[in-house]
Protein backbone atom coordinates (compact mmCIF):
# COMPACT_ATOMS: atom_id res chain seq x y z
CA MET A 1 2.76 3.98 4.34
CA SER A 2 3.68 2.34 1.15
CA GLY A 3 6.80 0.64 -0.10
CA SER A 4 8.11 -2.39 -1.88
CA HIS A 5 10.72 -5.07 -1.41
CA ARG A 6 12.94 -5.49 -4.38
CA ALA A 7 15.45 -8.25 -5.01
CA SER A 8 18.35 -7.61 -7.37
CA SER A 9 19.80 -10.44 -9.40
CA GLN A 10 22.58 -8.38 -10.99
CA ARG A 11 26.13 -9.29 -9.94
CA ARG A 12 28.79 -6.62 -9.47
CA ARG A 13 32.11 -7.24 -11.26
CA SER A 14 35.25 -6.53 -9.31
CA ALA A 15 37.58 -6.45 -12.31
CA GLY A 16 36.15 -3.24 -13.78
CA PRO A 17 33.90 -2.65 -16.81
CA PRO A 18 33.95 -5.18 -19.64
CA SER A 19 35.49 -4.27 -22.94
CA ALA A 20 33.00 -3.53 -25.70
CA ASP A 21 35.47 -4.73 -28.32
CA LEU A 22 35.79 -8.30 -27.09
CA PRO A 23 33.15 -10.98 -27.58
CA GLY A 24 30.99 -11.75 -24.58
CA GLY A 25 32.19 -8.65 -22.74
CA ALA A 26 35.47 -10.31 -21.74
CA ASP A 27 38.08 -8.22 -19.94
CA ALA A 28 40.84 -6.69 -22.07
CA PRO A 29 44.36 -8.14 -21.54
CA GLY A 30 46.69 -6.16 -19.30
CA PRO A 31 49.74 -4.21 -20.52
CA ARG A 32 52.29 -6.89 -19.53
CA GLN A 33 50.43 -9.51 -21.52
CA LEU A 34 50.31 -7.25 -24.56
CA SER A 35 54.03 -6.43 -24.37
CA ARG A 36 55.16 -10.04 -24.01
CA GLY A 37 52.69 -11.33 -26.62
CA ARG A 38 51.82 -14.36 -24.61
CA ARG A 39 49.84 -15.32 -21.53
CA ARG A 40 51.34 -16.65 -18.37
CA LYS A 41 50.09 -19.90 -17.07
CA ALA A 42 47.94 -19.25 -14.03
CA ARG A 43 49.34 -20.62 -10.81
CA LYS A 44 47.07 -22.86 -8.79
CA ARG A 45 46.28 -21.34 -5.40
CA ARG A 46 46.43 -23.64 -2.45
CA GLY A 47 43.29 -23.83 -0.31
CA ALA A 48 41.14 -21.89 -2.81
CA LEU A 49 37.62 -23.11 -3.46
CA SER A 50 36.72 -24.13 -6.96
CA ALA A 51 33.99 -22.13 -8.71
CA THR A 52 31.62 -25.09 -8.40
CA SER A 53 32.28 -25.58 -4.68
CA PHE A 54 31.89 -21.87 -4.00
CA ALA A 55 28.59 -21.73 -5.88
CA LEU A 56 27.23 -24.73 -3.97
CA LEU A 57 28.31 -23.23 -0.66
CA MET A 58 26.64 -19.90 -1.43
CA ALA A 59 23.43 -21.57 -2.63
CA GLY A 60 23.21 -23.60 0.56
CA ALA A 61 23.74 -20.53 2.72
CA ALA A 62 21.10 -18.59 0.80
CA GLY A 63 18.57 -21.39 1.21
CA TRP A 64 19.15 -21.56 4.97
CA PHE A 65 18.95 -17.77 5.37
CA GLY A 66 15.77 -17.49 3.34
CA PHE A 67 13.81 -20.51 4.47
CA GLY A 68 15.50 -22.11 7.47
CA PRO A 69 14.62 -21.59 11.14
CA GLY A 70 14.67 -17.89 11.93
CA GLY A 71 15.30 -16.93 8.29
CA VAL A 72 14.04 -13.71 6.76
CA LEU A 73 11.12 -15.27 4.94
CA ALA A 74 10.26 -17.51 7.86
CA ALA A 75 10.27 -14.53 10.24
CA HIS A 76 7.74 -12.73 8.09
CA GLY A 77 5.54 -15.78 7.70
CA HIS A 78 5.80 -15.76 3.91
CA GLY A 79 7.10 -18.34 1.50
CA GLY A 80 8.03 -15.78 -1.13
CA ALA A 81 8.47 -12.08 -1.68
CA LEU A 82 7.05 -9.81 1.01
CA PRO A 83 3.81 -8.03 0.06
CA LYS A 84 3.54 -4.30 -0.46
CA SER A 85 1.74 -2.38 2.25
CA THR A 86 -1.42 -0.54 1.30
CA PRO A 87 -1.18 3.28 1.45
CA ASP A 88 -4.89 3.68 2.26
CA LEU A 89 -4.84 1.46 5.36
CA PRO A 90 -2.80 1.57 8.59
CA PRO A 91 0.26 -0.72 8.62
CA THR A 92 -0.59 -4.39 9.14
CA THR A 93 2.81 -6.10 9.10
CA LEU A 94 5.51 -6.04 11.74
CA ASP A 95 7.89 -4.34 9.26
CA ASP A 96 5.52 -1.40 8.83
CA VAL A 97 4.83 -0.78 12.54
CA PRO A 98 6.81 2.22 13.85
CA ALA A 99 9.31 1.25 16.53
CA PRO A 100 8.12 2.15 20.05
CA ALA A 101 9.76 5.22 21.55
CA ASP A 102 11.03 3.23 24.53
CA GLY A 103 13.06 0.93 22.30
CA THR A 104 11.11 -2.21 23.11
CA THR A 105 9.88 -4.60 20.44
CA ALA A 106 6.50 -3.85 18.94
CA ALA A 107 4.02 -6.70 18.99
CA ARG A 108 2.59 -7.99 15.74
CA PRO A 109 -1.02 -6.77 15.39
CA ASP A 110 -3.65 -9.45 15.64
CA THR A 111 -5.02 -10.22 12.16
CA GLY A 112 -7.37 -13.06 13.01
CA GLY A 113 -9.95 -11.43 15.23
CA ILE A 114 -10.11 -12.01 18.96
CA SER A 115 -7.31 -14.36 19.87
CA GLY A 116 -8.46 -15.54 23.29
CA ALA A 117 -4.86 -15.69 24.52
CA SER A 118 -4.39 -15.17 28.23
CA ALA A 119 -2.68 -11.91 29.14
CA SER A 120 -0.61 -13.52 31.90
CA ALA A 121 -0.32 -16.75 33.83
CA ALA A 122 -2.95 -17.18 36.54
CA PRO A 123 -1.52 -16.75 40.05
CA SER A 124 -1.52 -19.73 42.37
CA PRO A 125 -4.27 -19.79 45.01
CA ALA A 126 -1.76 -19.50 47.85
CA ALA A 127 0.02 -16.52 46.30
CA SER A 128 -3.15 -14.61 45.41
CA GLY A 129 -5.19 -15.23 48.56
CA GLN A 130 -7.83 -17.31 46.77
CA ALA A 131 -10.39 -18.92 49.04
CA ALA A 132 -12.16 -22.22 48.57
CA ASP A 133 -15.17 -20.44 47.05
CA GLY A 134 -12.97 -18.93 44.35
CA SER A 135 -12.94 -15.43 45.83
CA TYR A 136 -9.85 -13.28 46.42
CA ALA A 137 -8.80 -10.90 49.15
CA ALA A 138 -7.44 -8.52 46.48
CA LEU A 139 -7.68 -8.33 42.71
CA PRO A 140 -5.02 -10.64 41.23
CA GLY A 141 -2.47 -8.95 38.99
CA LEU A 142 -2.78 -5.50 40.57
CA GLY A 143 0.07 -3.92 42.50
CA ALA A 144 -0.41 -1.79 45.59
CA ALA A 145 -0.60 1.47 43.62
CA PHE A 146 -3.51 0.40 41.40
CA THR A 147 -5.28 -1.42 44.23
CA ALA A 148 -5.24 1.78 46.28
CA ARG A 149 -6.84 3.74 43.41
CA ILE A 150 -10.02 1.64 43.44
CA PRO A 151 -12.65 3.64 45.37
CA ALA A 152 -13.74 2.13 48.67
CA GLU A 153 -17.40 2.23 47.58
CA THR A 154 -16.72 0.39 44.32
CA SER A 155 -17.99 -3.18 44.16
CA GLN A 156 -17.76 -3.73 40.38
CA VAL A 157 -14.44 -3.60 38.53
CA VAL A 158 -13.92 -4.23 34.83
CA LEU A 159 -10.30 -5.39 34.69
CA ALA A 160 -8.71 -5.05 31.22
CA THR A 161 -5.25 -6.61 31.24
CA GLY A 162 -3.09 -6.17 28.14
CA ALA A 163 -0.61 -8.80 27.02
CA ASN A 164 2.25 -6.28 27.01
CA LYS A 165 2.98 -2.57 26.62
CA ASN A 166 2.98 -2.68 22.81
CA SER A 167 0.28 -5.28 22.21
CA SER A 168 -3.33 -4.81 21.12
CA ASP A 169 -4.42 -8.10 22.75
CA THR A 170 -6.24 -7.86 26.07
CA THR A 171 -8.39 -9.94 28.40
CA VAL A 172 -11.38 -8.46 30.23
CA THR A 173 -12.87 -9.79 33.48
CA LEU A 174 -15.74 -8.32 35.50
CA TRP A 175 -15.01 -8.58 39.21
CA THR A 176 -17.61 -8.17 41.97
CA ARG A 177 -16.83 -7.33 45.60
CA THR A 178 -19.15 -8.83 48.19
CA PRO A 179 -19.99 -7.17 51.57
CA ASP A 180 -17.28 -9.24 53.28
CA GLY A 181 -14.68 -7.54 51.06
CA ARG A 182 -13.91 -10.56 48.91
CA TRP A 183 -13.56 -10.22 45.11
CA HIS A 184 -15.37 -12.75 42.90
CA PRO A 185 -14.40 -13.09 39.21
CA GLY A 186 -16.81 -13.40 36.34
CA ALA A 187 -15.94 -14.91 33.00
CA THR A 188 -12.77 -13.76 31.25
CA TRP A 189 -13.30 -12.44 27.73
CA ALA A 190 -10.79 -11.95 24.94
CA ALA A 191 -10.60 -8.31 23.87
CA HIS A 192 -8.64 -5.68 21.97
CA ASN A 193 -7.13 -2.33 22.93
CA GLY A 194 -5.24 0.38 21.02
CA TYR A 195 -3.27 -0.61 17.94
CA SER A 196 0.11 0.42 19.40
CA GLY A 197 -0.54 -0.78 22.95
CA TRP A 198 -0.74 1.22 26.18
CA THR A 199 0.49 4.52 27.61
CA THR A 200 0.42 6.51 30.85
CA ASP A 201 0.32 9.74 28.81
CA HIS A 202 -2.33 9.35 26.13
CA ASN A 203 -2.41 11.92 23.35
CA VAL A 204 -4.71 12.14 20.37
CA GLY A 205 -3.51 9.97 17.49
CA ASP A 206 -0.93 7.91 19.41
CA LEU A 207 -3.05 4.75 18.93
CA ARG A 208 -2.43 3.72 22.55
CA SER A 209 -5.01 3.09 25.25
CA PRO A 210 -4.62 5.08 28.47
CA ILE A 211 -3.44 3.20 31.55
CA GLY A 212 -5.40 3.97 34.69
CA VAL A 213 -8.53 3.60 36.81
CA PHE A 214 -11.59 5.30 35.31
CA THR A 215 -15.23 5.46 36.40
CA LEU A 216 -18.04 4.09 34.21
CA SER A 217 -21.26 6.08 34.34
CA ASP A 218 -22.92 6.17 30.90
CA ALA A 219 -23.88 3.70 28.20
CA GLY A 220 -25.48 3.93 24.79
CA GLY A 221 -25.51 2.56 21.30
CA LEU A 222 -27.17 2.23 17.95
CA LYS A 223 -29.37 -0.61 19.18
CA ALA A 224 -32.18 -0.37 21.71
CA ASP A 225 -31.42 -0.54 25.41
CA PRO A 226 -30.76 -4.23 26.27
CA GLY A 227 -31.71 -3.64 29.91
CA SER A 228 -29.05 -1.23 31.16
CA LYS A 229 -28.96 0.01 34.74
CA LEU A 230 -26.64 2.83 33.65
CA PRO A 231 -28.23 5.75 31.81
CA TYR A 232 -28.58 4.50 28.21
CA HIS A 233 -28.46 6.83 25.23
CA GLN A 234 -29.75 5.27 22.02
CA ASP A 235 -28.80 7.36 19.02
CA SER A 236 -28.55 6.90 15.25
CA ASP A 237 -25.15 8.63 15.38
CA PHE A 238 -23.56 5.54 16.95
CA VAL A 239 -22.29 4.40 13.55
CA ALA A 240 -18.77 3.24 12.70
CA ALA A 241 -17.96 3.34 9.00
CA GLY A 242 -15.04 2.13 6.94
CA LYS A 243 -12.38 -0.46 7.62
CA GLY A 244 -10.22 -1.29 10.64
CA PHE A 245 -6.47 -1.70 10.93
CA THR A 246 -6.50 -5.20 9.46
CA GLY A 247 -9.07 -4.41 6.77
CA GLU A 248 -12.05 -5.66 8.79
CA THR A 249 -15.37 -3.85 8.60
CA LEU A 250 -16.24 -1.57 11.51
CA ALA A 251 -19.99 -1.98 11.06
CA GLY A 252 -21.75 -2.76 14.34
CA SER A 253 -18.87 -1.67 16.57
CA PHE A 254 -21.04 0.92 18.31
CA ASP A 255 -24.21 -1.15 18.66
CA TYR A 256 -23.49 -1.06 22.41
CA VAL A 257 -20.94 1.19 24.11
CA ILE A 258 -19.96 2.18 27.64
CA ALA A 259 -18.13 5.47 27.97
CA ILE A 260 -14.80 5.34 29.84
CA ASN A 261 -14.56 8.52 31.88
CA TYR A 262 -11.23 9.63 30.48
CA ASN A 263 -11.22 13.31 29.46
CA ARG A 264 -15.01 13.53 29.31
CA VAL A 265 -17.92 14.92 31.32
CA PRO A 266 -19.59 12.10 33.32
CA GLY A 267 -23.36 11.98 33.28
CA SER A 268 -23.63 12.77 29.57
CA SER A 269 -24.07 10.74 26.41
CA PRO A 270 -20.96 8.89 25.20
CA LEU A 271 -21.33 11.06 22.09
CA ASP A 272 -20.69 14.23 24.13
CA THR A 273 -17.52 15.76 22.67
CA ARG A 274 -16.54 17.94 25.64
CA GLU A 275 -12.93 17.25 26.71
CA PRO A 276 -12.00 18.92 30.01
CA LEU A 277 -8.28 18.16 29.59
CA GLY A 278 -8.22 19.65 26.09
CA SER A 279 -8.50 18.07 22.67
CA ALA A 280 -4.77 17.22 22.51
CA LYS A 281 -5.27 14.59 25.23
CA GLY A 282 -7.78 12.66 23.12
CA GLY A 283 -11.26 11.54 24.05
CA GLY A 284 -14.20 9.41 23.02
CA ILE A 285 -12.64 6.32 24.60
CA TRP A 286 -15.24 3.62 25.12
CA ILE A 287 -15.77 -0.05 25.76
CA HIS A 288 -17.53 -1.16 22.59
CA ALA A 289 -18.28 -4.18 20.41
CA ASP A 290 -15.23 -5.84 18.91
CA HIS A 291 -14.72 -5.64 15.13
CA GLY A 292 -11.95 -8.23 14.90
CA GLY A 293 -8.89 -6.02 15.23
CA PRO A 294 -7.09 -3.33 17.25
CA THR A 295 -8.81 -0.07 18.19
CA HIS A 296 -7.61 3.54 18.20
CA ALA A 297 -7.61 3.63 22.02
CA CYS A 298 -10.84 1.93 23.13
CA VAL A 299 -11.33 -1.50 24.70
CA SER A 300 -13.51 -3.89 22.69
CA VAL A 301 -15.22 -7.19 23.49
CA SER A 302 -17.68 -9.25 21.47
CA GLU A 303 -21.16 -7.78 20.96
CA GLU A 304 -22.69 -10.58 23.03
CA HIS A 305 -20.42 -9.75 25.95
CA MET A 306 -21.00 -6.02 25.47
CA ALA A 307 -24.75 -6.51 25.89
CA GLU A 308 -24.10 -8.57 29.01
CA LEU A 309 -21.78 -5.92 30.42
CA VAL A 310 -24.31 -3.15 29.74
CA ARG A 311 -26.99 -5.14 31.59
CA THR A 312 -24.71 -5.95 34.53
CA LEU A 313 -23.01 -2.69 35.49
CA ASP A 314 -24.94 -0.92 38.23
CA PRO A 315 -24.53 2.73 39.25
CA ALA A 316 -25.11 1.65 42.85
CA ALA A 317 -21.92 -0.42 42.63
CA HIS A 318 -19.87 2.60 41.49
CA PRO A 319 -18.25 0.63 38.66
CA VAL A 320 -14.77 1.44 37.38
CA ILE A 321 -12.47 0.04 34.73
CA VAL A 322 -8.86 -0.74 35.63
CA MET A 323 -6.93 -0.94 32.37
CA GLY A 324 -3.36 -1.32 31.21
CA ASP A 325 -0.73 -3.86 30.28
CA ALA A 326 -0.05 -6.62 32.80
CA ALA A 327 3.39 -5.34 33.83
CA SER A 328 2.19 -1.78 34.44
CA LEU A 329 -0.83 -2.94 36.45
CA ALA A 330 1.33 -5.17 38.63
CA ALA A 331 3.92 -2.49 39.40
């Protein structure tokens, strides 16, 4: 998408076109003035602003609108004219992001790498059932519907919680369930998801990550196996080329990946292109190394944390990923 912001300095004249016969483009005298041969003395209007006062008033208003709190330029984070968007790259400013179909406000894409912002406020210990050892009776932030979708045999859950429905900012936490049924949290990592946010009906090209509970069964990457318990598929085809949504390089994004079992055949390499639901529903959705910006639909964490996640997930624990925006997960 390309475009430009133009500012016009030309003033429109309300009195009609200037006369070409008069110096300075002055307006021609009206018929009454010509017939009487003299000009009437203009009457002074009561309450009218002088030209100087009007100009000062308009200048002050323009300054406030352009640069004051909430002004146009302040809202865009620029001190001057807005930049042109680049046709060869996806939109990177709030003005260029298509409005969400549900009418909500699109979030500004992250342009500074992983933000580290928390997806939602941490629940109080009393409200979440937190014990003295830091464990929980149920995964915080999940409503009854998503809690019920976690398999009974699962003892490892990767919880990816998005900031909101239209945001590409996410936090990821690996939770472990002990034999007594209590959930213990690992570290929380800043992450990214799809450029346009989240959806319950993912389709190819919508730039949204699918909301749901998906099993995790296969890992791989360009780099050698870091010590994975999951089947690990090292392959030279795990290469990401080009630039991301904010112009960042994608190199290294697929050094380590874990396939999310959305529209794929479990038990195969993440590179397997089979899509049981059909190609229109998208595929190739992974957890992979973060490149400093939004993804097409994947979830990304730093390469260091990816290597740790690959080493930690255990097929015997029947790991799953629970992913979506905070409001959807809590419903």
